[in-house]
Amino acid sequence: MWNPSRREFLKSTMTTACSAGLGALNSTELFGDSGASANAPTAAMAASLPIKKGLVFDMLPANLSYIERMKLARDVGFEVVQAPTTPDEKEAEEIKKAADRANIRIDSVMNMDHWKYPLSSSDSAMVEKSLAGMRTSLHNAKLWGSDAVLLVPAVVNPQTSYRDAWSRSQTQIRKLVPLAEELRIVIAIEEVWNKFLLSPLEMSKYISEFQSPWIQAWFDVGNVVFYGYPQDWIRTLGKSIAKVHLKDFKRKKDGYEWVNLGDGDVDWEAVREALREIGYSGSAICELNGGDQAYLRDVTRRVDRLVLGKA
């Protein structure tokens, strides 16, 4: 299971996810190099993609110790783990030792405070708490040998307009760039159901305005299915994609549900080809419900087949 606050936020914002427009952004500002041509050669179609399989730490059974969970992840076929922000230094060291002993890499950090304390808030105390949480996440990443921290940059709500969310969040994120550069950790901006960055063109523009290699994109395949096509997002964001989350989304007559990979509406063949076209070779981290060894082993096989293109 992924972070409950993420689950509840996605659920509560489902019906309004596509309400915002592109406003004053013009086509010259928005349309840029997508990182790959739609007509890229496909001679290497048969080869599997050089992507590392990963999972969020919360998918591993909570009744196991850190070392047992890390070993389980490795034993069922995962190569990397995404761990949550861990303010307690002793606990963070314990997580590091567990990963080292299991010979599995903590590839990235799931920042936690951006939901409760959004960077787009008009409350300076709330924003400072969010910045402090990101600084902790960046230091966690350095300790663990990770190269990216996931950040949800802003939340649009009745108190925060779309325009304010854009400008306020960029102002605050720029304060984090010097630390990210010093630690050599990418801040990866995720698109999610926060009524913000609802098109790949907007997201590309938002990231490019930082003019920093330390601000890139975290692309979630499942999050965009409600209002777009993952393969379109991948081609548009192109080389700015630092990391990828894997989820599947299924529409139903009475609503929707998050399902296992391959059981929903994602066109995985199209996603795989788009990742191939942009030359993506990072990690693809599953963000699904948790389960036992048999379940997790099945998830790795689904990643092999659907995402990596292995027989």
Protein backbone atom coordinates (compact mmCIF):
# COMPACT_ATOMS: atom_id res chain seq x y z
CA MET A 1 0.00 0.00 0.00
CA TRP A 2 1.30 3.44 -0.79
CA ASN A 3 1.26 6.31 1.65
CA PRO A 4 -2.40 6.61 2.84
CA SER A 5 -2.35 10.40 2.43
CA ARG A 6 -1.54 9.92 -1.26
CA ARG A 7 -4.35 7.38 -1.63
CA GLU A 8 -6.94 9.60 0.06
CA PHE A 9 -5.80 12.68 -1.84
CA LEU A 10 -6.13 10.89 -5.18
CA LYS A 11 -9.58 9.64 -4.25
CA SER A 12 -10.86 13.03 -3.05
CA THR A 13 -9.70 14.90 -6.14
CA MET A 14 -10.76 12.37 -8.77
CA THR A 15 -13.76 14.23 -10.13
CA THR A 16 -12.01 17.59 -10.51
CA ALA A 17 -8.63 16.50 -11.84
CA CYS A 18 -9.11 17.94 -15.29
CA SER A 19 -10.76 21.25 -14.39
CA ALA A 20 -7.79 23.60 -14.98
CA GLY A 21 -6.77 25.01 -18.34
CA LEU A 22 -3.52 26.21 -19.83
CA GLY A 23 -4.42 29.84 -19.20
CA ALA A 24 -1.95 32.32 -20.59
CA LEU A 25 0.64 29.76 -21.65
CA ASN A 26 1.23 29.98 -25.38
CA SER A 27 2.30 27.26 -27.81
CA THR A 28 5.80 28.69 -28.22
CA GLU A 29 6.37 28.43 -24.47
CA LEU A 30 4.80 25.01 -24.14
CA PHE A 31 5.89 23.02 -27.18
CA GLY A 32 9.51 22.01 -26.89
CA ASP A 33 11.79 19.12 -27.62
CA SER A 34 10.03 16.01 -26.34
CA GLY A 35 13.29 14.13 -26.22
CA ALA A 36 12.32 11.67 -28.93
CA SER A 37 10.65 11.55 -32.31
CA ALA A 38 7.37 9.73 -32.74
CA ASN A 39 8.94 8.16 -35.80
CA ALA A 40 12.02 6.86 -34.00
CA PRO A 41 13.47 3.63 -35.39
CA THR A 42 11.97 0.48 -33.93
CA ALA A 43 14.55 -2.05 -35.06
CA ALA A 44 15.43 -2.88 -31.47
CA MET A 45 11.83 -3.58 -30.47
CA ALA A 46 12.62 -7.14 -29.44
CA ALA A 47 15.24 -6.11 -26.88
CA SER A 48 14.09 -5.64 -23.29
CA LEU A 49 14.41 -2.17 -21.79
CA PRO A 50 17.38 -1.43 -19.47
CA ILE A 51 15.16 -0.32 -16.61
CA LYS A 52 15.68 -1.25 -12.95
CA LYS A 53 12.68 -2.78 -11.21
CA GLY A 54 11.70 -1.21 -7.90
CA LEU A 55 8.93 -0.88 -5.34
CA VAL A 56 7.88 1.55 -2.65
CA PHE A 57 8.92 0.37 0.81
CA ASP A 58 5.31 0.29 2.08
CA MET A 59 4.54 -2.61 -0.28
CA LEU A 60 6.69 -4.88 1.93
CA PRO A 61 5.07 -6.59 4.95
CA ALA A 62 5.19 -4.25 7.94
CA ASN A 63 5.49 -7.13 10.43
CA LEU A 64 9.02 -7.89 9.14
CA SER A 65 12.20 -6.16 10.26
CA TYR A 66 13.97 -3.71 7.96
CA ILE A 67 16.56 -6.31 6.94
CA GLU A 68 13.86 -8.94 6.33
CA ARG A 69 11.87 -6.55 4.16
CA MET A 70 14.92 -5.53 2.14
CA LYS A 71 15.94 -9.16 1.62
CA LEU A 72 12.41 -10.07 0.57
CA ALA A 73 12.42 -7.28 -2.03
CA ARG A 74 15.71 -8.57 -3.42
CA ASP A 75 14.67 -12.25 -3.31
CA VAL A 76 11.50 -11.70 -5.37
CA GLY A 77 13.39 -9.84 -8.07
CA PHE A 78 13.38 -6.12 -7.28
CA GLU A 79 16.60 -4.19 -7.74
CA VAL A 80 15.78 -0.92 -5.99
CA VAL A 81 13.53 0.45 -3.25
CA GLN A 82 11.93 3.85 -2.70
CA ALA A 83 11.96 4.70 1.01
CA PRO A 84 9.93 7.38 2.84
CA THR A 85 11.33 10.47 4.55
CA THR A 86 12.84 9.36 7.86
CA PRO A 87 13.58 12.23 10.30
CA ASP A 88 14.98 9.95 13.02
CA GLU A 89 18.72 9.64 12.31
CA LYS A 90 19.10 6.28 14.08
CA GLU A 91 16.20 4.83 12.10
CA ALA A 92 17.63 6.22 8.86
CA GLU A 93 20.97 4.53 9.65
CA GLU A 94 19.15 1.27 10.37
CA ILE A 95 17.41 1.46 6.99
CA LYS A 96 20.75 2.06 5.29
CA LYS A 97 22.38 -0.91 7.01
CA ALA A 98 19.44 -3.15 6.09
CA ALA A 99 19.68 -2.20 2.43
CA ASP A 100 23.44 -2.69 2.39
CA ARG A 101 23.15 -6.14 3.99
CA ALA A 102 20.44 -7.16 1.52
CA ASN A 103 22.48 -5.84 -1.41
CA ILE A 104 19.61 -3.69 -2.65
CA ARG A 105 19.81 0.01 -3.44
CA ILE A 106 17.59 2.68 -1.94
CA ASP A 107 17.19 4.46 -5.21
CA SER A 108 14.98 7.38 -4.16
CA VAL A 109 13.08 9.05 -1.34
CA MET A 110 9.32 9.59 -1.09
CA ASN A 111 9.02 13.04 0.48
CA MET A 112 6.19 13.04 3.03
CA ASP A 113 5.40 16.59 4.21
CA HIS A 114 4.26 18.10 0.90
CA TRP A 115 0.66 16.87 1.50
CA LYS A 116 0.10 18.22 4.99
CA TYR A 117 2.25 21.31 4.39
CA PRO A 118 2.06 22.25 0.68
CA LEU A 119 4.70 24.60 -0.68
CA SER A 120 1.93 26.55 -2.40
CA SER A 121 0.30 27.59 0.88
CA SER A 122 0.01 31.27 1.82
CA ASP A 123 0.89 30.31 5.41
CA SER A 124 4.62 30.92 5.86
CA ALA A 125 4.86 28.60 8.88
CA MET A 126 3.29 25.78 6.89
CA VAL A 127 5.67 26.38 3.98
CA GLU A 128 8.69 26.34 6.29
CA LYS A 129 7.60 22.95 7.64
CA SER A 130 7.39 21.69 4.08
CA LEU A 131 10.85 23.03 3.25
CA ALA A 132 12.24 21.41 6.40
CA GLY A 133 10.71 18.10 5.34
CA MET A 134 12.32 18.36 1.92
CA ARG A 135 15.70 19.16 3.47
CA THR A 136 15.37 16.02 5.59
CA SER A 137 14.44 14.03 2.48
CA LEU A 138 17.47 15.33 0.60
CA HIS A 139 19.78 14.42 3.48
CA ASN A 140 18.14 10.97 3.70
CA ALA A 141 18.86 10.53 0.00
CA LYS A 142 22.51 11.43 0.50
CA LEU A 143 22.87 8.99 3.41
CA TRP A 144 21.19 6.17 1.53
CA GLY A 145 23.04 6.68 -1.75
CA SER A 146 19.87 7.69 -3.58
CA ASP A 147 19.86 10.13 -6.48
CA ALA A 148 16.34 11.61 -6.35
CA VAL A 149 13.60 12.84 -4.01
CA LEU A 150 9.97 12.83 -5.14
CA LEU A 151 8.17 16.13 -4.58
CA VAL A 152 4.54 17.05 -5.15
CA PRO A 153 5.13 20.75 -5.78
CA ALA A 154 1.78 22.37 -5.05
CA VAL A 155 -1.91 21.92 -4.31
CA VAL A 156 -4.67 24.00 -5.91
CA ASN A 157 -7.70 24.44 -3.64
CA PRO A 158 -10.28 27.13 -2.76
CA GLN A 159 -7.59 29.05 -0.89
CA THR A 160 -4.85 28.71 -3.52
CA SER A 161 -5.38 29.67 -7.15
CA TYR A 162 -3.66 27.86 -10.00
CA ARG A 163 -1.51 30.90 -10.75
CA ASP A 164 -0.50 31.28 -7.09
CA ALA A 165 0.29 27.57 -6.84
CA TRP A 166 2.64 27.94 -9.80
CA SER A 167 4.50 31.04 -8.60
CA ARG A 168 4.59 30.23 -4.88
CA SER A 169 5.84 26.67 -5.36
CA GLN A 170 8.55 27.71 -7.80
CA THR A 171 9.75 30.38 -5.37
CA GLN A 172 10.06 27.84 -2.56
CA ILE A 173 11.60 25.07 -4.67
CA ARG A 174 14.31 27.49 -5.85
CA LYS A 175 15.35 27.78 -2.18
CA LEU A 176 16.05 24.02 -2.20
CA VAL A 177 18.13 23.95 -5.40
CA PRO A 178 21.46 24.94 -3.74
CA LEU A 179 21.17 22.04 -1.27
CA ALA A 180 20.13 19.64 -4.04
CA GLU A 181 23.15 20.73 -6.06
CA GLU A 182 25.48 20.44 -3.08
CA LEU A 183 24.26 16.91 -2.28
CA ARG A 184 23.88 16.03 -5.97
CA ILE A 185 20.28 14.86 -5.52
CA VAL A 186 17.58 15.52 -8.11
CA ILE A 187 14.27 17.01 -6.95
CA ALA A 188 11.78 15.08 -9.09
CA ILE A 189 8.41 16.80 -9.58
CA GLU A 190 5.46 14.39 -9.67
CA GLU A 191 2.18 14.88 -11.49
CA VAL A 192 -0.70 13.77 -9.26
CA TRP A 193 -4.34 14.56 -8.59
CA ASN A 194 -3.63 17.87 -6.89
CA LYS A 195 -5.43 19.97 -9.56
CA PHE A 196 -2.03 21.16 -10.77
CA LEU A 197 0.18 20.42 -13.82
CA LEU A 198 -2.66 18.64 -15.59
CA SER A 199 -1.01 18.36 -19.00
CA PRO A 200 2.42 17.20 -20.11
CA LEU A 201 2.97 20.56 -21.82
CA GLU A 202 2.40 22.43 -18.57
CA MET A 203 4.62 20.10 -16.62
CA SER A 204 7.40 20.42 -19.17
CA LYS A 205 7.19 24.21 -19.00
CA TYR A 206 7.04 24.26 -15.20
CA ILE A 207 10.23 22.20 -14.93
CA SER A 208 12.09 24.03 -17.70
CA GLU A 209 11.53 27.39 -15.99
CA PHE A 210 13.88 26.36 -13.18
CA GLN A 211 16.73 26.09 -15.70
CA SER A 212 18.42 23.60 -13.37
CA PRO A 213 19.51 20.00 -13.93
CA TRP A 214 18.55 19.35 -10.30
CA ILE A 215 14.83 19.83 -11.05
CA GLN A 216 13.40 17.05 -13.18
CA ALA A 217 10.19 15.04 -13.57
CA TRP A 218 8.87 12.04 -11.68
CA PHE A 219 6.37 10.43 -14.04
CA ASP A 220 3.56 8.25 -12.68
CA VAL A 221 1.99 6.06 -15.37
CA GLY A 222 -1.31 5.47 -13.56
CA ASN A 223 -1.95 9.01 -12.38
CA VAL A 224 -2.56 10.46 -15.84
CA VAL A 225 -4.90 7.82 -17.29
CA PHE A 226 -8.02 9.65 -16.08
CA TYR A 227 -7.23 12.76 -18.15
CA GLY A 228 -4.58 11.74 -20.68
CA TYR A 229 -2.36 9.07 -22.17
CA PRO A 230 0.82 7.97 -20.40
CA GLN A 231 2.69 7.45 -23.67
CA ASP A 232 1.94 11.07 -24.68
CA TRP A 233 3.26 12.36 -21.36
CA ILE A 234 6.41 10.26 -21.68
CA ARG A 235 7.21 11.57 -25.17
CA THR A 236 6.52 15.17 -24.16
CA LEU A 237 8.54 15.11 -20.94
CA GLY A 238 11.29 13.13 -22.66
CA LYS A 239 14.73 13.40 -21.13
CA SER A 240 13.42 15.39 -18.16
CA ILE A 241 12.00 12.17 -16.65
CA ALA A 242 14.26 11.15 -13.77
CA LYS A 243 12.10 8.36 -12.30
CA VAL A 244 8.90 6.46 -13.08
CA HIS A 245 6.11 5.12 -10.87
CA LEU A 246 4.10 2.12 -12.04
CA LYS A 247 0.38 1.87 -11.24
CA ASP A 248 -2.65 0.75 -13.23
CA PHE A 249 -6.04 2.46 -13.29
CA LYS A 250 -9.39 0.92 -14.24
CA ARG A 251 -12.56 2.84 -15.04
CA LYS A 252 -15.84 1.34 -13.82
CA LYS A 253 -19.48 2.25 -14.30
CA ASP A 254 -19.69 3.33 -10.69
CA GLY A 255 -16.28 4.97 -10.45
CA TYR A 256 -12.74 3.64 -10.67
CA GLU A 257 -10.19 1.49 -8.87
CA TRP A 258 -6.44 1.07 -8.66
CA VAL A 259 -5.54 -2.42 -9.86
CA ASN A 260 -2.49 -4.59 -10.40
CA LEU A 261 -0.31 -3.94 -13.43
CA GLY A 262 -1.98 -5.23 -16.58
CA ASP A 263 -5.48 -5.38 -15.05
CA GLY A 264 -6.49 -1.81 -15.88
CA ASP A 265 -6.74 0.67 -18.75
CA VAL A 266 -3.03 1.45 -19.23
CA ASP A 267 -1.77 0.56 -22.73
CA TRP A 268 1.46 -1.00 -21.55
CA GLU A 269 2.74 -1.74 -25.03
CA ALA A 270 2.42 1.95 -25.92
CA VAL A 271 4.06 2.96 -22.63
CA ARG A 272 6.95 0.58 -23.23
CA GLU A 273 7.53 1.90 -26.74
CA ALA A 274 7.43 5.53 -25.55
CA LEU A 275 10.02 4.75 -22.86
CA ARG A 276 12.14 3.09 -25.53
CA GLU A 277 11.86 6.10 -27.83
CA ILE A 278 13.12 8.56 -25.19
CA GLY A 279 15.94 6.22 -24.22
CA TYR A 280 14.78 5.87 -20.62
CA SER A 281 17.14 3.72 -18.55
CA GLY A 282 16.32 4.71 -14.97
CA SER A 283 14.16 2.88 -12.46
CA ALA A 284 10.48 1.97 -12.62
CA ILE A 285 9.08 1.76 -9.10
CA CYS A 286 5.82 -0.05 -8.38
CA GLU A 287 3.39 1.86 -6.17
CA LEU A 288 0.75 -0.78 -5.53
CA ASN A 289 -0.97 -2.55 -2.65
CA GLY A 290 1.40 -4.59 -0.55
CA GLY A 291 1.42 -8.35 -0.17
CA ASP A 292 3.31 -11.53 0.58
CA GLN A 293 6.18 -13.17 -1.24
CA ALA A 294 4.00 -14.86 -3.87
CA TYR A 295 2.19 -11.60 -4.65
CA LEU A 296 5.40 -9.60 -4.90
CA ARG A 297 7.00 -12.21 -7.14
CA ASP A 298 3.98 -11.97 -9.44
CA VAL A 299 4.38 -8.17 -9.54
CA THR A 300 8.00 -8.50 -10.67
CA ARG A 301 6.92 -10.86 -13.46
CA ARG A 302 4.30 -8.33 -14.57
CA VAL A 303 6.96 -5.60 -14.71
CA ASP A 304 9.17 -7.91 -16.78
CA ARG A 305 6.40 -8.59 -19.27
CA LEU A 306 4.58 -5.27 -19.45
CA VAL A 307 7.32 -2.67 -18.87
CA LEU A 308 10.63 -4.30 -19.75
CA GLY A 309 9.31 -6.30 -22.68
CA LYS A 310 10.71 -9.64 -21.51
CA ALA A 311 8.99 -12.81 -22.67
